């Protein structure tokens, strides 16, 4: 079963790499934000898969903390964008 977890983690890492291209070349800031959210969600997914595959619950704690930080980053971006439009 751990082989399946590692394979899924590798696939998600490839998708994160493609999302990084969108962050670098995105046509607008909203596209870049969505790609950054993809990277954050993908990172959480990879960490959770590695935690399950390796049997290390501490990695799951790191993944959950990363998810909380991603929410704060989204809120900060929205507040920054709202300040620029006004």
PDB file of N, CA and C in Angstrom:
ATOM      1  N   UNK A   1       0.813  -1.191   0.000  1.00  0.00           N
ATOM      2  CA  UNK A   1       0.000   0.000   0.000  1.00  0.00           C
ATOM      3  C   UNK A   1       0.866   1.268   0.000  1.00  0.00           C
ATOM      4  N   UNK A   2       2.046   1.183   0.618  1.00  0.00           N
ATOM      5  CA  UNK A   2       2.893   2.369   0.646  1.00  0.00           C
ATOM      6  C   UNK A   2       3.401   2.726  -0.753  1.00  0.00           C
ATOM      7  N   UNK A   3       3.523   1.747  -1.639  1.00  0.00           N
ATOM      8  CA  UNK A   3       3.935   2.040  -3.018  1.00  0.00           C
ATOM      9  C   UNK A   3       2.884   2.909  -3.707  1.00  0.00           C
ATOM     10  N   UNK A   4       1.631   2.624  -3.449  1.00  0.00           N
ATOM     11  CA  UNK A   4       0.554   3.436  -4.009  1.00  0.00           C
ATOM     12  C   UNK A   4       0.623   4.861  -3.467  1.00  0.00           C
ATOM     13  N   UNK A   5       0.891   5.011  -2.187  1.00  0.00           N
ATOM     14  CA  UNK A   5       1.015   6.340  -1.584  1.00  0.00           C
ATOM     15  C   UNK A   5       2.181   7.118  -2.186  1.00  0.00           C
ATOM     16  N   UNK A   6       3.305   6.448  -2.351  1.00  0.00           N
ATOM     17  CA  UNK A   6       4.470   7.118  -2.929  1.00  0.00           C
ATOM     18  C   UNK A   6       4.210   7.500  -4.388  1.00  0.00           C
ATOM     19  N   UNK A   7       3.515   6.639  -5.125  1.00  0.00           N
ATOM     20  CA  UNK A   7       3.186   6.942  -6.525  1.00  0.00           C
ATOM     21  C   UNK A   7       2.249   8.138  -6.619  1.00  0.00           C
ATOM     22  N   UNK A   8       1.251   8.174  -5.751  1.00  0.00           N
ATOM     23  CA  UNK A   8       0.323   9.303  -5.741  1.00  0.00           C
ATOM     24  C   UNK A   8       1.042  10.589  -5.354  1.00  0.00           C
ATOM     25  N   UNK A   9       1.964  10.508  -4.403  1.00  0.00           N
ATOM     26  CA  UNK A   9       2.731  11.684  -3.997  1.00  0.00           C
ATOM     27  C   UNK A   9       3.598  12.188  -5.151  1.00  0.00           C
ATOM     28  N   UNK A  10       4.194  11.281  -5.902  1.00  0.00           N
ATOM     29  CA  UNK A  10       5.014  11.682  -7.051  1.00  0.00           C
ATOM     30  C   UNK A  10       4.158  12.364  -8.120  1.00  0.00           C
ATOM     31  N   UNK A  11       2.968  11.833  -8.370  1.00  0.00           N
ATOM     32  CA  UNK A  11       2.068  12.438  -9.346  1.00  0.00           C
ATOM     33  C   UNK A  11       1.662  13.848  -8.910  1.00  0.00           C
ATOM     34  N   UNK A  12       1.366  14.010  -7.643  1.00  0.00           N
ATOM     35  CA  UNK A  12       0.977  15.327  -7.137  1.00  0.00           C
ATOM     36  C   UNK A  12       2.150  16.299  -7.231  1.00  0.00           C
ATOM     37  N   UNK A  13       3.358  15.824  -6.998  1.00  0.00           N
ATOM     38  CA  UNK A  13       4.531  16.693  -7.132  1.00  0.00           C
ATOM     39  C   UNK A  13       4.709  17.183  -8.568  1.00  0.00           C
ATOM     40  N   UNK A  14       4.399  16.326  -9.539  1.00  0.00           N
ATOM     41  CA  UNK A  14       4.458  16.754 -10.942  1.00  0.00           C
ATOM     42  C   UNK A  14       3.414  17.833 -11.207  1.00  0.00           C
ATOM     43  N   UNK A  15       2.224  17.675 -10.643  1.00  0.00           N
ATOM     44  CA  UNK A  15       1.180  18.684 -10.815  1.00  0.00           C
ATOM     45  C   UNK A  15       1.568  19.994 -10.132  1.00  0.00           C
ATOM     46  N   UNK A  16       2.261  19.907  -9.004  1.00  0.00           N
ATOM     47  CA  UNK A  16       2.731  21.113  -8.326  1.00  0.00           C
ATOM     48  C   UNK A  16       3.758  21.831  -9.206  1.00  0.00           C
ATOM     49  N   UNK A  17       4.615  21.081  -9.861  1.00  0.00           N
ATOM     50  CA  UNK A  17       5.604  21.697 -10.752  1.00  0.00           C
ATOM     51  C   UNK A  17       4.915  22.435 -11.903  1.00  0.00           C
ATOM     52  N   UNK A  18       3.859  21.859 -12.436  1.00  0.00           N
ATOM     53  CA  UNK A  18       3.106  22.539 -13.490  1.00  0.00           C
ATOM     54  C   UNK A  18       2.423  23.792 -12.949  1.00  0.00           C
ATOM     55  N   UNK A  19       1.943  23.728 -11.720  1.00  0.00           N
ATOM     56  CA  UNK A  19       1.347  24.912 -11.094  1.00  0.00           C
ATOM     57  C   UNK A  19       2.364  26.004 -10.870  1.00  0.00           C
ATOM     58  N   UNK A  20       3.602  25.621 -10.590  1.00  0.00           N
ATOM     59  CA  UNK A  20       4.657  26.614 -10.407  1.00  0.00           C
ATOM     60  C   UNK A  20       4.908  27.392 -11.699  1.00  0.00           C
ATOM     61  N   UNK A  21       4.778  26.729 -12.826  1.00  0.00           N
ATOM     62  CA  UNK A  21       4.891  27.438 -14.103  1.00  0.00           C
ATOM     63  C   UNK A  21       3.804  28.500 -14.243  1.00  0.00           C
ATOM     64  N   UNK A  22       2.599  28.189 -13.772  1.00  0.00           N
ATOM     65  CA  UNK A  22       1.510  29.163 -13.844  1.00  0.00           C
ATOM     66  C   UNK A  22       1.772  30.338 -12.912  1.00  0.00           C
ATOM     67  N   UNK A  23       2.385  30.083 -11.766  1.00  0.00           N
ATOM     68  CA  UNK A  23       2.714  31.182 -10.861  1.00  0.00           C
ATOM     69  C   UNK A  23       3.719  32.117 -11.525  1.00  0.00           C
ATOM     70  N   UNK A  24       4.688  31.547 -12.199  1.00  0.00           N
ATOM     71  CA  UNK A  24       5.728  32.366 -12.814  1.00  0.00           C
ATOM     72  C   UNK A  24       5.255  33.096 -14.058  1.00  0.00           C
ATOM     73  N   UNK A  25       4.329  32.479 -14.828  1.00  0.00           N
ATOM     74  CA  UNK A  25       3.921  33.062 -16.100  1.00  0.00           C
ATOM     75  C   UNK A  25       2.456  33.461 -16.141  1.00  0.00           C
ATOM     76  N   UNK A  26       1.785  33.472 -15.004  1.00  0.00           N
ATOM     77  CA  UNK A  26       0.353  33.756 -14.985  1.00  0.00           C
ATOM     78  C   UNK A  26       0.017  35.108 -15.571  1.00  0.00           C
ATOM     79  N   UNK A  27      -1.096  35.203 -16.287  1.00  0.00           N
ATOM     80  CA  UNK A  27      -1.444  36.486 -16.891  1.00  0.00           C
ATOM     81  C   UNK A  27      -1.911  37.526 -15.867  1.00  0.00           C
ATOM     82  N   UNK A  28      -2.423  37.092 -14.740  1.00  0.00           N
ATOM     83  CA  UNK A  28      -2.917  38.047 -13.753  1.00  0.00           C
ATOM     84  C   UNK A  28      -2.625  37.570 -12.340  1.00  0.00           C
ATOM     85  N   UNK A  29      -2.872  38.463 -11.391  1.00  0.00           N
ATOM     86  CA  UNK A  29      -2.592  38.095 -10.005  1.00  0.00           C
ATOM     87  C   UNK A  29      -3.556  37.038  -9.483  1.00  0.00           C
ATOM     88  N   UNK A  30      -4.802  37.051  -9.975  1.00  0.00           N
ATOM     89  CA  UNK A  30      -5.757  36.038  -9.527  1.00  0.00           C
ATOM     90  C   UNK A  30      -5.326  34.642  -9.989  1.00  0.00           C
ATOM     91  N   UNK A  31      -4.800  34.546 -11.202  1.00  0.00           N
ATOM     92  CA  UNK A  31      -4.302  33.265 -11.692  1.00  0.00           C
ATOM     93  C   UNK A  31      -3.114  32.795 -10.865  1.00  0.00           C
ATOM     94  N   UNK A  32      -2.282  33.726 -10.502  1.00  0.00           N
ATOM     95  CA  UNK A  32      -1.122  33.370  -9.682  1.00  0.00           C
ATOM     96  C   UNK A  32      -1.553  32.923  -8.297  1.00  0.00           C
ATOM     97  N   UNK A  33      -2.576  33.573  -7.744  1.00  0.00           N
ATOM     98  CA  UNK A  33      -3.063  33.168  -6.429  1.00  0.00           C
ATOM     99  C   UNK A  33      -3.644  31.759  -6.481  1.00  0.00           C
ATOM    100  N   UNK A  34      -4.416  31.469  -7.515  1.00  0.00           N
ATOM    101  CA  UNK A  34      -5.006  30.134  -7.624  1.00  0.00           C
ATOM    102  C   UNK A  34      -3.927  29.072  -7.783  1.00  0.00           C
ATOM    103  N   UNK A  35      -2.894  29.374  -8.532  1.00  0.00           N
ATOM    104  CA  UNK A  35      -1.795  28.426  -8.678  1.00  0.00           C
ATOM    105  C   UNK A  35      -1.042  28.255  -7.368  1.00  0.00           C
ATOM    106  N   UNK A  36      -0.883  29.334  -6.619  1.00  0.00           N
ATOM    107  CA  UNK A  36      -0.224  29.230  -5.320  1.00  0.00           C
ATOM    108  C   UNK A  36      -1.068  28.405  -4.360  1.00  0.00           C
ATOM    109  N   UNK A  37      -2.377  28.533  -4.433  1.00  0.00           N
ATOM    110  CA  UNK A  37      -3.253  27.697  -3.608  1.00  0.00           C
ATOM    111  C   UNK A  37      -3.142  26.229  -4.012  1.00  0.00           C
ATOM    112  N   UNK A  38      -2.998  25.984  -5.311  1.00  0.00           N
ATOM    113  CA  UNK A  38      -2.787  24.616  -5.783  1.00  0.00           C
ATOM    114  C   UNK A  38      -1.496  24.043  -5.210  1.00  0.00           C
ATOM    115  N   UNK A  39      -0.450  24.861  -5.189  1.00  0.00           N
ATOM    116  CA  UNK A  39       0.821  24.405  -4.638  1.00  0.00           C
ATOM    117  C   UNK A  39       0.675  24.108  -3.156  1.00  0.00           C
ATOM    118  N   UNK A  40      -0.029  24.970  -2.431  1.00  0.00           N
ATOM    119  CA  UNK A  40      -0.233  24.734  -1.002  1.00  0.00           C
ATOM    120  C   UNK A  40      -1.055  23.491  -0.727  1.00  0.00           C
ATOM    121  N   UNK A  41      -2.133  23.318  -1.479  1.00  0.00           N
ATOM    122  CA  UNK A  41      -2.980  22.128  -1.293  1.00  0.00           C
ATOM    123  C   UNK A  41      -2.241  20.869  -1.711  1.00  0.00           C
ATOM    124  N   UNK A  42      -1.491  20.958  -2.784  1.00  0.00           N
ATOM    125  CA  UNK A  42      -0.704  19.810  -3.230  1.00  0.00           C
ATOM    126  C   UNK A  42       0.375  19.448  -2.221  1.00  0.00           C
ATOM    127  N   UNK A  43       0.985  20.459  -1.633  1.00  0.00           N
ATOM    128  CA  UNK A  43       1.990  20.206  -0.603  1.00  0.00           C
ATOM    129  C   UNK A  43       1.401  19.508   0.613  1.00  0.00           C
ATOM    130  N   UNK A  44       0.209  19.938   1.004  1.00  0.00           N
ATOM    131  CA  UNK A  44      -0.481  19.278   2.120  1.00  0.00           C
ATOM    132  C   UNK A  44      -0.791  17.829   1.760  1.00  0.00           C
ATOM    133  N   UNK A  45      -1.274  17.614   0.541  1.00  0.00           N
ATOM    134  CA  UNK A  45      -1.606  16.253   0.112  1.00  0.00           C
ATOM    135  C   UNK A  45      -0.372  15.356   0.084  1.00  0.00           C
ATOM    136  N   UNK A  46       0.741  15.878  -0.429  1.00  0.00           N
ATOM    137  CA  UNK A  46       1.977  15.095  -0.482  1.00  0.00           C
ATOM    138  C   UNK A  46       2.444  14.742   0.930  1.00  0.00           C
ATOM    139  N   UNK A  47       2.410  15.721   1.810  1.00  0.00           N
ATOM    140  CA  UNK A  47       2.842  15.452   3.183  1.00  0.00           C
ATOM    141  C   UNK A  47       1.946  14.431   3.877  1.00  0.00           C
ATOM    142  N   UNK A  48       0.646  14.516   3.655  1.00  0.00           N
ATOM    143  CA  UNK A  48      -0.257  13.535   4.265  1.00  0.00           C
ATOM    144  C   UNK A  48      -0.034  12.137   3.692  1.00  0.00           C
ATOM    145  N   UNK A  49       0.215  12.056   2.383  1.00  0.00           N
ATOM    146  CA  UNK A  49       0.503  10.748   1.783  1.00  0.00           C
ATOM    147  C   UNK A  49       1.811  10.168   2.307  1.00  0.00           C
ATOM    148  N   UNK A  50       2.820  11.010   2.430  1.00  0.00           N
ATOM    149  CA  UNK A  50       4.098  10.530   2.968  1.00  0.00           C
ATOM    150  C   UNK A  50       3.973  10.133   4.434  1.00  0.00           C
ATOM    151  N   UNK A  51       3.143  10.843   5.172  1.00  0.00           N
ATOM    152  CA  UNK A  51       2.911  10.492   6.571  1.00  0.00           C
ATOM    153  C   UNK A  51       2.263   9.121   6.687  1.00  0.00           C
ATOM    154  N   UNK A  52       1.286   8.866   5.822  1.00  0.00           N
ATOM    155  CA  UNK A  52       0.622   7.564   5.852  1.00  0.00           C
ATOM    156  C   UNK A  52       1.550   6.453   5.367  1.00  0.00           C
ATOM    157  N   UNK A  53       2.360   6.736   4.360  1.00  0.00           N
ATOM    158  CA  UNK A  53       3.248   5.711   3.807  1.00  0.00           C
ATOM    159  C   UNK A  53       4.369   5.362   4.778  1.00  0.00           C
ATOM    160  N   UNK A  54       4.912   6.375   5.440  1.00  0.00           N
ATOM    161  CA  UNK A  54       6.041   6.135   6.333  1.00  0.00           C
ATOM    162  C   UNK A  54       5.608   5.829   7.760  1.00  0.00           C
ATOM    163  N   UNK A  55       4.355   6.085   8.073  1.00  0.00           N
ATOM    164  CA  UNK A  55       3.876   5.837   9.421  1.00  0.00           C
ATOM    165  C   UNK A  55       4.396   6.840  10.435  1.00  0.00           C
ATOM    166  N   UNK A  56       4.606   8.074   9.992  1.00  0.00           N
ATOM    167  CA  UNK A  56       5.113   9.129  10.874  1.00  0.00           C
ATOM    168  C   UNK A  56       4.022  10.187  11.074  1.00  0.00           C
ATOM    169  N   UNK A  57       3.353  10.164  12.211  1.00  0.00           N
ATOM    170  CA  UNK A  57       2.257  11.124  12.409  1.00  0.00           C
ATOM    171  C   UNK A  57       2.728  12.575  12.538  1.00  0.00           C
ATOM    172  N   UNK A  58       3.993  12.807  12.835  1.00  0.00           N
ATOM    173  CA  UNK A  58       4.488  14.183  12.949  1.00  0.00           C
ATOM    174  C   UNK A  58       4.415  14.904  11.605  1.00  0.00           C
ATOM    175  N   UNK A  59       4.565  14.179  10.518  1.00  0.00           N
ATOM    176  CA  UNK A  59       4.483  14.805   9.193  1.00  0.00           C
ATOM    177  C   UNK A  59       3.056  15.299   8.938  1.00  0.00           C
ATOM    178  N   UNK A  60       2.066  14.582   9.456  1.00  0.00           N
ATOM    179  CA  UNK A  60       0.675  15.022   9.313  1.00  0.00           C
ATOM    180  C   UNK A  60       0.449  16.333  10.063  1.00  0.00           C
ATOM    181  N   UNK A  61       1.102  16.501  11.199  1.00  0.00           N
ATOM    182  CA  UNK A  61       0.992  17.763  11.937  1.00  0.00           C
ATOM    183  C   UNK A  61       1.569  18.921  11.127  1.00  0.00           C
ATOM    184  N   UNK A  62       2.679  18.681  10.475  1.00  0.00           N
ATOM    185  CA  UNK A  62       3.282  19.715   9.624  1.00  0.00           C
ATOM    186  C   UNK A  62       2.341  20.050   8.463  1.00  0.00           C
ATOM    187  N   UNK A  63       1.699  19.045   7.893  1.00  0.00           N
ATOM    188  CA  UNK A  63       0.769  19.264   6.782  1.00  0.00           C
ATOM    189  C   UNK A  63      -0.416  20.111   7.224  1.00  0.00           C
ATOM    190  N   UNK A  64      -0.940  19.846   8.393  1.00  0.00           N
ATOM    191  CA  UNK A  64      -2.073  20.620   8.878  1.00  0.00           C
ATOM    192  C   UNK A  64      -1.673  22.068   9.169  1.00  0.00           C
ATOM    193  N   UNK A  65      -0.476  22.271   9.671  1.00  0.00           N
ATOM    194  CA  UNK A  65      -0.001  23.640   9.905  1.00  0.00           C
ATOM    195  C   UNK A  65       0.174  24.374   8.574  1.00  0.00           C
ATOM    196  N   UNK A  66       0.648  23.688   7.558  1.00  0.00           N
ATOM    197  CA  UNK A  66       0.779  24.291   6.234  1.00  0.00           C
ATOM    198  C   UNK A  66      -0.591  24.676   5.677  1.00  0.00           C
ATOM    199  N   UNK A  67      -1.599  23.865   5.928  1.00  0.00           N
ATOM    200  CA  UNK A  67      -2.952  24.186   5.468  1.00  0.00           C
ATOM    201  C   UNK A  67      -3.475  25.445   6.148  1.00  0.00           C
ATOM    202  N   UNK A  68      -3.200  25.601   7.432  1.00  0.00           N
ATOM    203  CA  UNK A  68      -3.635  26.800   8.151  1.00  0.00           C
ATOM    204  C   UNK A  68      -2.913  28.033   7.599  1.00  0.00           C
ATOM    205  N   UNK A  69      -1.624  27.911   7.328  1.00  0.00           N
ATOM    206  CA  UNK A  69      -0.882  29.042   6.771  1.00  0.00           C
ATOM    207  C   UNK A  69      -1.383  29.426   5.379  1.00  0.00           C
ATOM    208  N   UNK A  70      -1.822  28.451   4.603  1.00  0.00           N
ATOM    209  CA  UNK A  70      -2.357  28.737   3.266  1.00  0.00           C
ATOM    210  C   UNK A  70      -3.643  29.559   3.357  1.00  0.00           C
ATOM    211  N   UNK A  71      -4.457  29.289   4.358  1.00  0.00           N
ATOM    212  CA  UNK A  71      -5.680  30.073   4.542  1.00  0.00           C
ATOM    213  C   UNK A  71      -5.330  31.518   4.862  1.00  0.00           C
ATOM    214  N   UNK A  72      -4.368  31.727   5.755  1.00  0.00           N
ATOM    215  CA  UNK A  72      -3.968  33.088   6.099  1.00  0.00           C
ATOM    216  C   UNK A  72      -3.362  33.811   4.893  1.00  0.00           C
ATOM    217  N   UNK A  73      -2.637  33.105   4.066  1.00  0.00           N
ATOM    218  CA  UNK A  73      -2.061  33.714   2.865  1.00  0.00           C
ATOM    219  C   UNK A  73      -3.166  34.161   1.904  1.00  0.00           C
ATOM    220  N   UNK A  74      -4.215  33.359   1.776  1.00  0.00           N
ATOM    221  CA  UNK A  74      -5.326  33.735   0.900  1.00  0.00           C
ATOM    222  C   UNK A  74      -6.046  34.970   1.421  1.00  0.00           C
ATOM    223  N   UNK A  75      -6.273  35.019   2.716  1.00  0.00           N
ATOM    224  CA  UNK A  75      -6.948  36.171   3.308  1.00  0.00           C
ATOM    225  C   UNK A  75      -6.093  37.425   3.131  1.00  0.00           C
ATOM    226  N   UNK A  76      -4.792  37.296   3.324  1.00  0.00           N
ATOM    227  CA  UNK A  76      -3.901  38.446   3.151  1.00  0.00           C
ATOM    228  C   UNK A  76      -3.922  38.933   1.710  1.00  0.00           C
ATOM    229  N   UNK A  77      -3.961  38.016   0.756  1.00  0.00           N
ATOM    230  CA  UNK A  77      -3.999  38.412  -0.650  1.00  0.00           C
ATOM    231  C   UNK A  77      -5.296  39.142  -0.970  1.00  0.00           C
ATOM    232  N   UNK A  78      -6.404  38.651  -0.459  1.00  0.00           N
ATOM    233  CA  UNK A  78      -7.690  39.299  -0.724  1.00  0.00           C
ATOM    234  C   UNK A  78      -7.716  40.692  -0.111  1.00  0.00           C
ATOM    235  N   UNK A  79      -7.195  40.825   1.112  1.00  0.00           N
ATOM    236  CA  UNK A  79      -7.160  42.150   1.739  1.00  0.00           C
ATOM    237  C   UNK A  79      -6.237  43.092   0.980  1.00  0.00           C
ATOM    238  N   UNK A  80      -5.131  42.606   0.489  1.00  0.00           N
ATOM    239  CA  UNK A  80      -4.202  43.422  -0.286  1.00  0.00           C
ATOM    240  C   UNK A  80      -4.861  43.880  -1.594  1.00  0.00           C
ATOM    241  N   UNK A  81      -5.555  42.950  -2.255  1.00  0.00           N
ATOM    242  CA  UNK A  81      -6.233  43.290  -3.507  1.00  0.00           C
ATOM    243  C   UNK A  81      -7.372  44.272  -3.295  1.00  0.00           C
ATOM    244  N   UNK A  82      -8.087  44.150  -2.180  1.00  0.00           N
ATOM    245  CA  UNK A  82      -9.179  45.066  -1.900  1.00  0.00           C
ATOM    246  C   UNK A  82      -8.643  46.479  -1.635  1.00  0.00           C
ATOM    247  N   UNK A  83      -7.488  46.579  -1.029  1.00  0.00           N
ATOM    248  CA  UNK A  83      -6.884  47.875  -0.770  1.00  0.00           C
ATOM    249  C   UNK A  83      -6.409  48.559  -2.039  1.00  0.00           C
ATOM    250  N   UNK A  84      -6.012  47.798  -3.021  1.00  0.00           N
ATOM    251  CA  UNK A  84      -5.508  48.379  -4.280  1.00  0.00           C
ATOM    252  C   UNK A  84      -6.642  48.875  -5.152  1.00  0.00           C
ATOM    253  N   UNK A  85      -7.832  48.205  -5.084  1.00  0.00           N
ATOM    254  CA  UNK A  85      -8.958  48.606  -5.927  1.00  0.00           C
ATOM    255  C   UNK A  85      -9.646  49.860  -5.416  1.00  0.00           C
ATOM    256  N   UNK A  86      -9.576  50.116  -4.131  1.00  0.00           N
ATOM    257  CA  UNK A  86     -10.316  51.240  -3.542  1.00  0.00           C
ATOM    258  C   UNK A  86      -9.639  52.566  -3.774  1.00  0.00           C
TER     259      UNK A  86
END
